[in-house]
Amino acid sequence: MSGRIVKVSGPLVVAEGLPEARMYDVCRVSEAGLIGEVIEIRGDQVSIQVYEETAGLGPGAPVVTTGEPLSAELGPGLLESIFDGIQRPLSALRDEFGDRIRPGVTVERLDRERRWGFKPCAKPGDEVIAGDILGTVQETSVIEHRIMVPHGMQGKIVDIQEGEFTVTEPIAELERPDGTRVPITMLQRWPVRRSRPVAEKLAPSEPLITGQRIIDTFFPVAKGGAACVPGPFGSGKTVVQHQLAKWADADIVVYVGCGERGNEMTDVLLEFPRLEDPRSGESLMKRTVLIANTSDMPVAAREASVYTGITIAEYYRDMGYSVALMADSTSRWAEALREMSGRLEEMPGEEGYPAYLGSRLADFYERAGKVRVVGDRIGALTVVGAVSPPGGDLSEPVTQNTLRVVKVFWGLDDKLAARRHFPAINWLNSYSLYLDRIDGYLRERYGSEPIAMRQESMALLQQEASLEEIVRLVGTDALSPEDRLVLEAAKSIREDFLYQNAFHEADTYTSLDKQIKMLQVILSWYHEAREALNEGVRLERLLNLPVREDIARAKYLDENDEAAFATLLTDIKQQVAALKGEGGEVA
């Protein structure tokens, strides 16, 4: 079906003569064949958001609808790939068209020439339904790609082959209940705006271990949960996202750079292939999919990049993997929605954002979850979205609508960032609503001690915040020794535990076991010092103990060096006991 353009307004094109067009159908605009998507139908006019540069377009140019929604191609070859917002592989585009991509060009999203070794696990005569695993492909050295029966298909396997195939060659033949036979390939397509169906949604209960101490200990996110990282520019949102992508204990990582600055995206593209995966020792790219949509790309493609990313993530979740999706940043997607809404002349909502902003964000974050898929497999998709509120104003619509949906809030603070405190997560504002569920996991493995330590540490940090006002007015000398000890203990928690150097080999990642030991050491010193203070030991002598230097350096100890932590606890007891033995007077 062919129509013609009647109006061009930036990325919005209005066409007529397309009576059969449906919402979210993909269209090819002009002779160049620019890719667009139907977003509104008014009478005989169709509004299309174009995912490429529209400079030079004018009325009268042809528009052709494909009759299909915007879909992602799913199959072997996704991992280690770098795509743009509409899933065009950037390396293939560069090989074919050079450094500058012309509008309208396209290449196959998945390599049609590469052959993959397929090993069947189903056999002829098996009755299968959508989602059942037919066989496997070793996609990378660390990830086994499970080929599933496409949705909408069921029946009896008539034939299934072992060997090397391209993604478009039939690997099996299925006889449907009505007797028709259909070939099955390794390539599947799925509309990006529609979430993939699941058998059952489960309550998330296991933490996603990130290796970032403030997150894992104080504000954990569950596998299958949703979190947001809001903060002003320069507060470290992207670095937090990078750390999670590198170290989170997910099987698959999908990183979506949505409207990202080019230099930040370049850092990701250059760094990830060089990074060693701590789980396998291989390159991190072996289990990563990157979607690069930079700020100089057409604004409408930001929406496509987010949906493409989460569709790929759901596909691997359906195989039974734990998947982590990083979206950086959803604010830029919201800005694209605002621009398109303005060009559609819709009634604006708060701060010019469309009235449906909240429902779009909810649709996206609610695709996260721990699920039971067909075949009794359990998969989890964790979504972490960065939000960039202008001026760090957390009351603005994107942040507020995000917080209504997600259960974890890591609020970044520009004052902490200015003090070079990383991660700059404000421990007084942030929260996690998964704590109750994750506490059950901790009790099962470590007993109740980690939970008690977390509560005590948080109480000390809150006490510090309330004492700070007094300190600012009259100085620390006016405080009692007990209060000064609280300040010192809180300072130790802040500087020795919460502060983490992302670029230090030993400090960039801390296991949950080591986190518990570190907190145990800090609180042990506090308990011993408080007891000694009550027995008349001067505070200054307690603060000058040699063991305090060792406590500060505990973050650099080897993960598996249990003896070093045991020695540290012994030293604390002995050095404080020595002071008690000497006696003293109350400071």
Protein backbone atom coordinates (compact mmCIF):
# COMPACT_ATOMS: atom_id res chain seq x y z
CA MET A 1 0.00 0.00 0.00
CA SER A 2 1.52 3.33 -1.10
CA GLY A 3 0.61 6.87 0.01
CA ARG A 4 2.25 10.29 -0.10
CA ILE A 5 3.63 12.79 2.40
CA VAL A 6 1.50 15.87 3.14
CA LYS A 7 3.53 17.36 6.01
CA VAL A 8 7.00 17.04 7.52
CA SER A 9 7.73 18.29 11.05
CA GLY A 10 11.19 17.13 12.14
CA PRO A 11 10.98 13.38 12.89
CA LEU A 12 7.17 13.45 12.39
CA VAL A 13 5.81 12.79 8.91
CA VAL A 14 2.09 13.00 8.07
CA ALA A 15 0.96 10.93 5.09
CA GLU A 16 -2.34 10.19 3.33
CA GLY A 17 -3.51 7.46 1.00
CA LEU A 18 -2.79 4.62 3.46
CA PRO A 19 -6.29 3.33 4.38
CA GLU A 20 -5.00 -0.08 5.53
CA ALA A 21 -2.35 1.31 7.87
CA ARG A 22 -2.55 0.15 11.50
CA MET A 23 -1.03 1.51 14.69
CA TYR A 24 2.67 0.73 15.07
CA ASP A 25 3.02 -0.60 11.51
CA VAL A 26 6.47 -0.06 10.01
CA CYS A 27 6.54 2.26 6.98
CA ARG A 28 9.19 3.10 4.40
CA VAL A 29 9.24 6.85 3.82
CA SER A 30 10.41 8.52 0.55
CA GLU A 31 12.53 7.04 -2.24
CA ALA A 32 15.37 6.59 0.26
CA GLY A 33 13.22 4.11 2.24
CA LEU A 34 13.56 5.75 5.68
CA ILE A 35 12.26 3.50 8.47
CA GLY A 36 9.26 4.88 10.40
CA GLU A 37 6.42 3.69 12.62
CA VAL A 38 2.74 4.68 12.63
CA ILE A 39 1.95 6.42 15.94
CA GLU A 40 -1.40 8.10 15.18
CA ILE A 41 -4.27 7.74 12.72
CA ARG A 42 -6.67 10.69 12.25
CA GLY A 43 -9.26 10.14 9.55
CA ASP A 44 -7.40 9.51 6.31
CA GLN A 45 -4.13 10.94 7.63
CA VAL A 46 -1.46 8.82 9.24
CA SER A 47 1.26 10.23 11.55
CA ILE A 48 4.60 8.41 11.29
CA GLN A 49 7.61 8.85 13.57
CA VAL A 50 10.73 8.38 11.47
CA TYR A 51 13.73 6.75 13.09
CA GLU A 52 16.21 8.41 10.72
CA GLU A 53 17.19 11.91 9.66
CA THR A 54 14.34 13.57 7.71
CA ALA A 55 16.29 16.54 6.28
CA GLY A 56 15.34 17.10 2.65
CA LEU A 57 11.95 15.35 2.85
CA GLY A 58 8.99 17.25 1.47
CA PRO A 59 5.29 16.84 0.58
CA GLY A 60 4.51 14.47 -2.26
CA ALA A 61 7.22 11.94 -1.46
CA PRO A 62 5.98 8.31 -1.42
CA VAL A 63 5.23 6.33 1.74
CA VAL A 64 4.83 2.54 1.73
CA THR A 65 3.48 0.53 4.68
CA THR A 66 4.91 -2.94 5.27
CA GLY A 67 1.85 -4.16 7.19
CA GLU A 68 4.08 -5.44 10.01
CA PRO A 69 4.91 -3.96 13.43
CA LEU A 70 8.46 -2.93 14.39
CA SER A 71 10.03 -6.25 15.37
CA ALA A 72 13.34 -7.49 16.71
CA GLU A 73 15.15 -10.40 15.08
CA LEU A 74 16.01 -13.01 17.70
CA GLY A 75 18.44 -15.86 17.29
CA PRO A 76 22.13 -16.83 17.58
CA GLY A 77 24.46 -13.91 16.92
CA LEU A 78 22.91 -11.35 19.26
CA LEU A 79 25.65 -11.64 21.89
CA GLU A 80 28.88 -9.69 21.25
CA SER A 81 26.93 -7.46 18.83
CA ILE A 82 26.55 -3.69 18.86
CA PHE A 83 23.26 -2.46 17.41
CA ASP A 84 21.72 0.95 16.84
CA GLY A 85 18.22 1.84 18.15
CA ILE A 86 16.39 -0.10 15.40
CA GLN A 87 18.66 -3.16 15.70
CA ARG A 88 20.95 -2.50 12.75
CA PRO A 89 24.41 -3.99 13.49
CA LEU A 90 26.81 -1.05 13.51
CA SER A 91 29.87 -3.09 12.50
CA ALA A 92 28.06 -4.48 9.42
CA LEU A 93 26.84 -0.98 8.50
CA ARG A 94 30.38 0.37 8.73
CA ASP A 95 31.80 -2.48 6.63
CA GLU A 96 29.24 -1.83 3.92
CA PHE A 97 28.72 1.95 3.96
CA GLY A 98 31.75 3.44 5.73
CA ASP A 99 31.89 5.72 8.79
CA ARG A 100 28.85 7.84 7.85
CA ILE A 101 25.53 5.99 7.63
CA ARG A 102 23.30 7.31 4.85
CA PRO A 103 19.56 7.59 5.59
CA GLY A 104 17.50 4.62 4.51
CA VAL A 105 20.33 2.07 4.38
CA THR A 106 19.75 -1.28 5.97
CA VAL A 107 21.55 -4.58 6.46
CA GLU A 108 20.44 -7.92 7.85
CA ARG A 109 20.18 -7.65 11.62
CA LEU A 110 21.56 -11.13 12.18
CA ASP A 111 24.30 -12.56 10.00
CA ARG A 112 22.68 -14.73 7.31
CA GLU A 113 25.97 -16.32 6.18
CA ARG A 114 27.40 -17.55 9.49
CA ARG A 115 26.73 -21.20 10.25
CA TRP A 116 25.93 -22.37 13.78
CA GLY A 117 26.35 -25.87 15.19
CA PHE A 118 22.86 -27.04 16.22
CA LYS A 119 22.45 -29.96 18.68
CA PRO A 120 18.85 -31.18 19.04
CA CYS A 121 17.49 -32.16 22.44
CA ALA A 122 14.00 -32.98 21.08
CA LYS A 123 13.38 -35.93 18.74
CA PRO A 124 10.90 -36.83 15.97
CA GLY A 125 7.49 -37.75 17.37
CA ASP A 126 7.73 -35.38 20.39
CA GLU A 127 4.68 -33.22 21.04
CA VAL A 128 5.85 -29.64 21.64
CA ILE A 129 4.25 -26.31 22.42
CA ALA A 130 5.44 -22.71 22.08
CA GLY A 131 8.50 -22.08 24.27
CA ASP A 132 9.72 -25.71 24.43
CA ILE A 133 13.44 -26.14 23.71
CA LEU A 134 14.24 -27.93 20.44
CA GLY A 135 18.01 -27.85 20.77
CA THR A 136 21.04 -25.75 21.60
CA VAL A 137 23.72 -23.69 19.87
CA GLN A 138 27.02 -22.70 21.53
CA GLU A 139 26.63 -18.98 20.78
CA THR A 140 29.76 -17.89 22.66
CA SER A 141 32.27 -19.76 24.81
CA VAL A 142 30.22 -18.95 27.94
CA ILE A 143 26.58 -18.89 26.76
CA GLU A 144 24.53 -21.76 25.33
CA HIS A 145 21.76 -20.45 23.07
CA ARG A 146 18.55 -22.47 23.45
CA ILE A 147 16.43 -22.67 20.32
CA MET A 148 12.76 -22.54 21.31
CA VAL A 149 9.52 -23.33 19.48
CA PRO A 150 8.24 -19.93 18.26
CA HIS A 151 5.14 -18.48 19.95
CA GLY A 152 1.92 -19.41 18.21
CA MET A 153 3.21 -22.84 17.16
CA GLN A 154 2.55 -26.30 18.57
CA GLY A 155 2.29 -29.83 17.32
CA LYS A 156 4.41 -32.93 16.65
CA ILE A 157 8.02 -32.86 15.47
CA VAL A 158 8.20 -34.69 12.15
CA ASP A 159 11.87 -34.08 11.47
CA ILE A 160 14.81 -32.49 13.33
CA GLN A 161 18.41 -32.27 12.11
CA GLU A 162 21.81 -32.00 13.77
CA GLY A 163 24.55 -30.06 12.04
CA GLU A 164 25.61 -26.60 10.99
CA PHE A 165 22.92 -24.22 9.76
CA THR A 166 22.44 -20.54 9.04
CA VAL A 167 19.70 -18.76 11.02
CA THR A 168 17.32 -18.93 8.03
CA GLU A 169 17.77 -22.65 7.18
CA PRO A 170 15.15 -25.08 8.57
CA ILE A 171 16.39 -27.16 11.49
CA ALA A 172 13.12 -28.98 12.14
CA GLU A 173 9.66 -29.57 10.71
CA LEU A 174 6.53 -29.36 12.82
CA GLU A 175 3.14 -30.92 12.09
CA ARG A 176 0.36 -28.77 13.50
CA PRO A 177 -2.87 -30.21 14.96
CA ASP A 178 -4.66 -29.35 11.68
CA GLY A 179 -2.17 -31.50 9.72
CA THR A 180 -0.21 -28.68 8.07
CA ARG A 181 3.55 -28.89 8.21
CA VAL A 182 5.74 -25.85 8.95
CA PRO A 183 9.54 -25.54 8.88
CA ILE A 184 11.26 -24.06 11.96
CA THR A 185 14.41 -21.97 11.71
CA MET A 186 16.69 -20.55 14.40
CA LEU A 187 15.50 -17.03 13.53
CA GLN A 188 12.45 -15.59 15.30
CA ARG A 189 10.80 -12.18 15.13
CA TRP A 190 8.92 -10.46 17.92
CA PRO A 191 7.09 -7.07 17.99
CA VAL A 192 9.14 -4.88 20.32
CA ARG A 193 6.20 -3.08 21.91
CA ARG A 194 4.59 -6.34 23.08
CA SER A 195 5.94 -8.20 26.09
CA ARG A 196 6.66 -11.89 25.55
CA PRO A 197 4.08 -14.13 27.27
CA VAL A 198 4.99 -16.16 30.37
CA ALA A 199 3.30 -19.00 32.26
CA GLU A 200 3.53 -17.35 35.71
CA LYS A 201 5.10 -14.34 37.38
CA LEU A 202 6.94 -15.17 40.60
CA ALA A 203 7.86 -12.99 43.57
CA PRO A 204 11.57 -12.03 43.39
CA SER A 205 13.47 -13.24 46.46
CA GLU A 206 17.14 -13.59 45.51
CA PRO A 207 19.39 -10.49 45.44
CA LEU A 208 21.25 -9.45 42.31
CA ILE A 209 24.80 -9.28 43.68
CA THR A 210 26.49 -6.28 42.09
CA GLY A 211 29.73 -6.10 44.08
CA GLN A 212 28.88 -2.49 45.04
CA ARG A 213 28.80 -2.41 48.85
CA ILE A 214 26.21 0.33 49.38
CA ILE A 215 23.85 -1.43 46.96
CA ASP A 216 24.24 -5.05 48.10
CA THR A 217 24.28 -4.31 51.84
CA PHE A 218 21.91 -1.38 52.23
CA PHE A 219 19.70 -1.06 49.13
CA PRO A 220 19.71 -4.37 47.26
CA VAL A 221 17.75 -5.08 44.09
CA ALA A 222 16.24 -8.53 43.60
CA LYS A 223 16.78 -10.70 40.52
CA GLY A 224 13.70 -9.85 38.51
CA GLY A 225 13.30 -6.47 40.21
CA ALA A 226 13.32 -2.91 38.89
CA ALA A 227 15.50 -0.06 40.13
CA CYS A 228 16.14 3.53 39.17
CA VAL A 229 19.25 5.69 39.53
CA PRO A 230 18.25 9.36 39.42
CA GLY A 231 20.74 12.14 39.88
CA PRO A 232 21.94 15.44 38.43
CA PHE A 233 24.49 15.63 35.63
CA GLY A 234 27.97 14.58 36.72
CA SER A 235 26.83 12.63 39.78
CA GLY A 236 27.92 9.24 38.41
CA LYS A 237 24.79 7.60 36.93
CA THR A 238 26.66 6.20 33.95
CA VAL A 239 29.55 4.91 36.09
CA VAL A 240 27.05 3.12 38.39
CA GLN A 241 25.38 1.60 35.30
CA HIS A 242 28.78 0.52 33.93
CA GLN A 243 29.69 -1.09 37.29
CA LEU A 244 26.42 -3.00 37.36
CA ALA A 245 26.84 -4.14 33.77
CA LYS A 246 30.40 -5.34 34.53
CA TRP A 247 29.92 -7.04 37.88
CA ALA A 248 26.26 -7.96 38.44
CA ASP A 249 25.81 -11.74 38.73
CA ALA A 250 23.47 -11.96 35.75
CA ASP A 251 24.02 -14.51 32.97
CA ILE A 252 23.31 -11.97 30.22
CA VAL A 253 23.73 -8.17 30.19
CA VAL A 254 21.86 -5.89 27.78
CA TYR A 255 23.17 -2.32 27.89
CA VAL A 256 21.01 0.33 26.19
CA GLY A 257 22.59 3.74 25.67
CA CYS A 258 19.44 5.79 25.06
CA GLY A 259 20.33 9.29 23.81
CA GLU A 260 23.73 8.95 25.49
CA ARG A 261 26.58 11.37 24.89
CA GLY A 262 28.88 9.97 22.24
CA ASN A 263 31.99 9.92 24.45
CA GLU A 264 30.19 7.92 27.18
CA MET A 265 28.95 5.38 24.67
CA THR A 266 32.44 5.17 23.18
CA ASP A 267 33.81 4.34 26.64
CA VAL A 268 31.39 1.41 26.84
CA LEU A 269 32.16 0.19 23.31
CA LEU A 270 35.92 0.31 23.88
CA GLU A 271 36.01 -0.89 27.48
CA PHE A 272 33.61 -3.85 27.50
CA PRO A 273 35.53 -5.99 24.95
CA ARG A 274 38.72 -5.50 27.03
CA LEU A 275 37.15 -6.32 30.38
CA GLU A 276 37.56 -9.77 31.84
CA ASP A 277 34.36 -11.39 33.06
CA PRO A 278 34.99 -12.36 36.72
CA ARG A 279 32.74 -15.39 36.35
CA SER A 280 34.38 -17.00 33.33
CA GLY A 281 37.70 -15.22 32.76
CA GLU A 282 36.59 -14.50 29.17
CA SER A 283 35.79 -11.10 27.63
CA LEU A 284 32.70 -9.48 29.12
CA MET A 285 31.27 -9.08 25.58
CA LYS A 286 30.79 -12.88 25.43
CA ARG A 287 27.57 -12.40 27.43
CA THR A 288 26.68 -8.81 26.50
CA VAL A 289 24.45 -7.10 23.92
CA LEU A 290 25.06 -3.38 23.38
CA ILE A 291 22.52 -0.98 21.89
CA ALA A 292 24.12 2.35 21.06
CA ASN A 293 21.74 5.23 20.48
CA THR A 294 23.71 8.46 20.87
CA SER A 295 22.35 11.97 21.39
CA ASP A 296 23.19 13.00 17.81
CA MET A 297 20.98 10.26 16.35
CA PRO A 298 17.36 11.04 15.44
CA VAL A 299 15.33 11.66 18.60
CA ALA A 300 12.53 9.21 17.73
CA ALA A 301 14.96 6.27 17.66
CA ARG A 302 15.39 6.58 21.45
CA GLU A 303 12.01 4.97 21.96
CA ALA A 304 12.85 2.14 19.59
CA SER A 305 16.20 1.50 21.34
CA VAL A 306 14.54 0.99 24.73
CA TYR A 307 11.93 -1.43 23.37
CA THR A 308 14.46 -3.31 21.23
CA GLY A 309 16.71 -3.76 24.26
CA ILE A 310 14.00 -5.14 26.53
CA THR A 311 12.70 -7.50 23.81
CA ILE A 312 16.18 -9.04 23.40
CA ALA A 313 16.44 -9.28 27.21
CA GLU A 314 13.05 -11.08 27.43
CA TYR A 315 14.16 -13.54 24.75
CA TYR A 316 17.17 -14.67 26.82
CA ARG A 317 15.03 -14.67 29.98
CA ASP A 318 12.68 -17.14 28.23
CA MET A 319 15.65 -19.50 27.80
CA GLY A 320 15.89 -19.64 31.61
CA TYR A 321 18.71 -17.13 32.08
CA SER A 322 19.03 -14.30 34.57
CA VAL A 323 19.25 -11.11 32.50
CA ALA A 324 20.16 -7.57 33.60
CA LEU A 325 19.09 -4.63 31.44
CA MET A 326 20.71 -1.19 31.91
CA ALA A 327 18.80 1.71 30.37
CA ASP A 328 20.84 4.92 30.34
CA SER A 329 18.94 7.19 30.38
CA THR A 330 15.15 6.96 30.40
CA SER A 331 14.94 10.78 30.76
CA ARG A 332 16.16 11.14 27.18
CA TRP A 333 13.50 8.70 26.02
CA ALA A 334 10.91 10.82 27.91
CA GLU A 335 12.27 13.93 26.17
CA ALA A 336 11.74 12.19 22.82
CA LEU A 337 8.14 11.40 23.85
CA ARG A 338 7.67 15.06 24.78
CA GLU A 339 8.98 16.24 21.42
CA MET A 340 6.78 13.83 19.45
CA SER A 341 3.75 14.72 21.57
CA GLY A 342 4.33 18.42 20.88
CA ARG A 343 4.60 17.81 17.13
CA LEU A 344 1.37 15.76 17.25
CA GLU A 345 -0.25 18.81 18.92
CA GLU A 346 -1.45 16.75 21.88
CA MET A 347 -2.55 18.40 25.10
CA PRO A 348 0.59 18.64 27.23
CA GLY A 349 0.74 17.28 30.77
CA GLU A 350 3.07 18.30 33.59
CA GLU A 351 6.19 20.21 32.35
CA GLY A 352 5.16 19.59 28.75
CA TYR A 353 5.46 15.80 28.95
CA PRO A 354 2.56 13.84 27.42
CA ALA A 355 -0.24 12.70 29.75
CA TYR A 356 0.64 9.07 28.96
CA LEU A 357 4.25 9.36 30.19
CA GLY A 358 3.46 7.42 33.39
CA SER A 359 1.80 4.53 31.57
CA ARG A 360 4.66 4.24 29.02
CA LEU A 361 7.26 4.09 31.80
CA ALA A 362 5.12 1.57 33.71
CA ASP A 363 4.77 -0.62 30.58
CA PHE A 364 8.55 -0.67 30.28
CA TYR A 365 9.50 -1.38 33.91
CA GLU A 366 6.73 -3.94 34.39
CA ARG A 367 8.32 -6.14 31.75
CA ALA A 368 10.93 -6.89 34.43
CA GLY A 369 10.25 -9.86 36.68
CA LYS A 370 11.11 -13.35 37.79
CA VAL A 371 8.97 -15.69 35.72
CA ARG A 372 8.17 -19.30 35.08
CA VAL A 373 8.22 -19.89 31.37
CA VAL A 374 6.89 -22.84 29.42
CA GLY A 375 8.93 -25.97 30.04
CA ASP A 376 9.13 -25.24 33.77
CA ARG A 377 12.18 -22.99 33.39
CA ILE A 378 12.71 -20.06 35.71
CA GLY A 379 14.08 -16.86 34.18
CA ALA A 380 14.62 -13.38 35.61
CA LEU A 381 14.86 -9.97 34.00
CA THR A 382 16.17 -7.13 36.16
CA VAL A 383 15.79 -3.58 34.83
CA VAL A 384 17.89 -0.67 36.08
CA GLY A 385 17.00 2.69 34.57
CA ALA A 386 19.01 5.89 34.96
CA VAL A 387 17.06 9.14 35.23
CA SER A 388 18.62 12.57 34.56
CA PRO A 389 16.36 15.16 36.22
CA PRO A 390 17.29 18.73 35.22
CA GLY A 391 19.19 20.37 38.06
CA GLY A 392 18.84 17.22 40.17
CA ASP A 393 15.17 18.06 40.89
CA LEU A 394 13.69 14.71 41.96
CA SER A 395 10.15 16.13 41.98
CA GLU A 396 10.06 16.37 38.17
CA PRO A 397 7.62 14.07 36.27
CA VAL A 398 10.04 11.44 34.87
CA THR A 399 11.55 10.67 38.29
CA GLN A 400 8.20 10.67 40.07
CA ASN A 401 6.50 8.43 37.49
CA THR A 402 9.47 6.05 37.62
CA LEU A 403 9.39 5.87 41.43
CA ARG A 404 5.71 4.88 41.29
CA VAL A 405 6.69 1.70 39.44
CA VAL A 406 10.16 0.64 40.65
CA LYS A 407 10.91 -0.68 44.12
CA VAL A 408 14.51 0.46 44.49
CA PHE A 409 15.65 4.07 44.57
CA TRP A 410 19.38 4.84 44.45
CA GLY A 411 19.35 8.63 44.80
CA LEU A 412 22.62 10.16 43.61
CA ASP A 413 23.86 13.29 45.35
CA ASP A 414 25.96 15.92 43.55
CA LYS A 415 27.48 17.04 46.89
CA LEU A 416 28.83 13.50 47.44
CA ALA A 417 30.05 13.43 43.83
CA ALA A 418 31.82 16.77 44.36
CA ARG A 419 33.61 15.21 47.37
CA ARG A 420 34.72 12.35 45.07
CA HIS A 421 32.61 9.88 47.06
CA PHE A 422 31.70 6.99 44.74
CA PRO A 423 29.09 5.60 44.40
CA ALA A 424 27.47 8.97 45.19
CA ILE A 425 24.30 7.25 46.46
CA ASN A 426 22.75 9.22 49.31
CA TRP A 427 22.19 6.67 52.10
CA LEU A 428 19.61 8.88 53.82
CA ASN A 429 17.31 9.30 50.80
CA SER A 430 17.65 5.94 49.06
CA TYR A 431 15.53 2.86 49.76
CA SER A 432 14.82 -0.70 48.67
CA LEU A 433 11.41 -2.32 49.04
CA TYR A 434 12.91 -5.78 48.42
CA LEU A 435 14.63 -5.88 51.83
CA ASP A 436 11.99 -8.07 53.49
CA ARG A 437 12.24 -10.73 50.80
CA ILE A 438 16.03 -10.58 50.53
CA ASP A 439 16.40 -10.83 54.33
CA GLY A 440 15.01 -14.36 54.07
CA TYR A 441 17.78 -15.21 51.59
CA LEU A 442 20.43 -13.72 53.93
CA ARG A 443 19.09 -15.56 57.01
CA GLU A 444 19.22 -18.84 55.15
CA ARG A 445 22.91 -18.41 54.20
CA TYR A 446 24.46 -16.14 56.83
CA GLY A 447 22.05 -16.11 59.80
CA SER A 448 20.54 -12.92 61.18
CA GLU A 449 23.86 -11.12 61.90
CA PRO A 450 24.14 -9.28 58.50
CA ILE A 451 20.61 -7.90 58.93
CA ALA A 452 21.35 -6.66 62.47
CA MET A 453 24.63 -5.09 61.27
CA ARG A 454 22.88 -3.29 58.41
CA GLN A 455 20.26 -1.86 60.79
CA GLU A 456 22.89 -0.74 63.28
CA SER A 457 25.05 0.86 60.58
CA MET A 458 22.08 2.75 59.18
CA ALA A 459 21.16 3.93 62.70
CA LEU A 460 24.73 5.24 63.16
CA LEU A 461 24.60 7.11 59.83
CA GLN A 462 21.26 8.68 60.79
CA GLN A 463 22.66 9.68 64.21
CA GLU A 464 25.60 11.29 62.43
CA ALA A 465 23.24 13.32 60.23
CA SER A 466 21.34 14.62 63.30
CA LEU A 467 24.61 15.49 65.13
CA GLU A 468 26.06 17.33 62.12
CA GLU A 469 23.86 20.37 62.77
CA ILE A 470 25.23 20.69 66.33
CA VAL A 471 28.79 20.24 65.04
CA ARG A 472 28.31 23.02 62.50
CA LEU A 473 27.05 25.38 65.19
CA VAL A 474 29.39 24.70 68.13
CA GLY A 475 32.06 22.25 66.88
CA THR A 476 32.88 18.68 67.89
CA ASP A 477 34.42 19.69 71.22
CA ALA A 478 30.95 20.47 72.61
CA LEU A 479 29.81 16.88 72.07
CA SER A 480 30.04 14.14 74.67
CA PRO A 481 32.67 11.40 74.12
CA GLU A 482 29.83 8.95 73.30
CA ASP A 483 28.52 11.22 70.53
CA ARG A 484 32.04 11.79 69.16
CA LEU A 485 32.50 8.03 69.04
CA VAL A 486 29.25 7.75 67.05
CA LEU A 487 30.62 10.33 64.57
CA GLU A 488 33.87 8.39 64.22
CA ALA A 489 32.05 5.07 63.71
CA ALA A 490 29.76 6.64 61.08
CA LYS A 491 32.80 8.20 59.38
CA SER A 492 34.43 4.76 59.24
CA ILE A 493 31.27 3.27 57.68
CA ARG A 494 31.20 6.09 55.11
CA GLU A 495 34.87 6.17 54.15
CA ASP A 496 35.96 2.58 54.71
CA PHE A 497 32.80 0.76 53.63
CA LEU A 498 30.49 2.91 51.49
CA TYR A 499 33.24 4.62 49.50
CA GLN A 500 34.40 2.39 46.67
CA ASN A 501 36.99 3.04 43.97
CA ALA A 502 35.60 1.82 40.63
CA PHE A 503 39.07 1.95 39.05
CA HIS A 504 40.96 0.01 41.75
CA GLU A 505 41.52 -3.64 40.94
CA ALA A 506 40.74 -4.92 44.46
CA ASP A 507 38.08 -2.36 45.39
CA THR A 508 35.96 -2.26 42.23
CA TYR A 509 34.11 -5.49 43.21
CA THR A 510 33.37 -6.85 46.69
CA SER A 511 31.62 -10.19 47.23
CA LEU A 512 28.77 -10.46 49.72
CA ASP A 513 30.97 -12.56 52.05
CA LYS A 514 33.66 -9.87 52.14
CA GLN A 515 31.07 -7.11 52.62
CA ILE A 516 29.76 -8.85 55.74
CA LYS A 517 33.32 -9.29 57.11
CA MET A 518 34.18 -5.62 56.48
CA LEU A 519 31.08 -4.37 58.28
CA GLN A 520 31.75 -6.82 61.11
CA VAL A 521 35.25 -5.36 61.59
CA ILE A 522 34.03 -1.73 61.67
CA LEU A 523 31.19 -2.45 64.11
CA SER A 524 33.44 -4.64 66.28
CA TRP A 525 35.79 -1.66 66.76
CA TYR A 526 32.79 0.56 67.64
CA HIS A 527 31.41 -1.93 70.21
CA GLU A 528 34.82 -2.47 71.83
CA ALA A 529 35.55 1.27 71.89
CA ARG A 530 32.16 2.08 73.42
CA GLU A 531 32.73 -0.48 76.17
CA ALA A 532 36.23 0.91 76.86
CA LEU A 533 34.84 4.44 76.96
CA ASN A 534 32.38 3.38 79.65
CA GLU A 535 35.30 1.95 81.64
CA GLY A 536 37.10 5.31 81.63
CA VAL A 537 39.46 5.05 78.66
CA ARG A 538 40.07 8.39 76.95
CA LEU A 539 38.47 8.73 73.50
CA GLU A 540 41.64 10.14 71.89
CA ARG A 541 43.57 6.97 72.78
CA LEU A 542 40.84 4.83 71.19
CA LEU A 543 40.91 6.92 68.02
CA ASN A 544 44.67 6.62 67.72
CA LEU A 545 44.83 2.83 67.88
CA PRO A 546 47.10 1.35 65.14
CA VAL A 547 44.33 -1.11 64.16
CA ARG A 548 42.23 1.74 62.74
CA GLU A 549 44.65 2.02 59.80
CA ASP A 550 44.19 -1.70 59.18
CA ILE A 551 40.38 -1.29 59.27
CA ALA A 552 40.62 1.44 56.60
CA ARG A 553 42.73 -0.87 54.41
CA ALA A 554 40.41 -3.91 54.83
CA LYS A 555 38.70 -3.12 51.48
CA TYR A 556 41.97 -3.99 49.70
CA LEU A 557 42.32 -7.42 51.33
CA ASP A 558 41.95 -10.47 49.14
CA GLU A 559 38.41 -11.86 48.81
CA ASN A 560 39.39 -15.28 50.09
CA ASP A 561 41.77 -14.16 52.86
CA GLU A 562 39.62 -15.18 55.83
CA ALA A 563 42.63 -15.31 58.14
CA ALA A 564 43.34 -11.58 57.59
CA PHE A 565 39.83 -10.62 58.76
CA ALA A 566 40.08 -12.99 61.74
CA THR A 567 43.44 -11.41 62.66
CA LEU A 568 41.89 -7.95 62.37
CA LEU A 569 39.08 -8.85 64.80
CA THR A 570 41.65 -10.27 67.24
CA ASP A 571 43.82 -7.14 66.96
CA ILE A 572 40.84 -4.90 67.74
CA LYS A 573 40.05 -6.87 70.90
CA GLN A 574 43.69 -7.02 72.04
CA GLN A 575 44.50 -3.35 71.43
CA VAL A 576 41.35 -2.11 73.16
CA ALA A 577 41.90 -4.57 76.05
CA ALA A 578 45.44 -3.22 76.45
CA LEU A 579 44.03 0.28 76.86
CA LYS A 580 41.51 -0.99 79.41
CA GLY A 581 44.35 -2.67 81.30
CA GLU A 582 46.25 0.58 81.49
CA GLY A 583 43.17 2.28 82.92
CA GLY A 584 42.46 5.93 82.32
CA GLU A 585 40.07 8.70 82.98
CA VAL A 586 36.98 9.86 81.12
CA ALA A 587 37.86 12.40 78.46
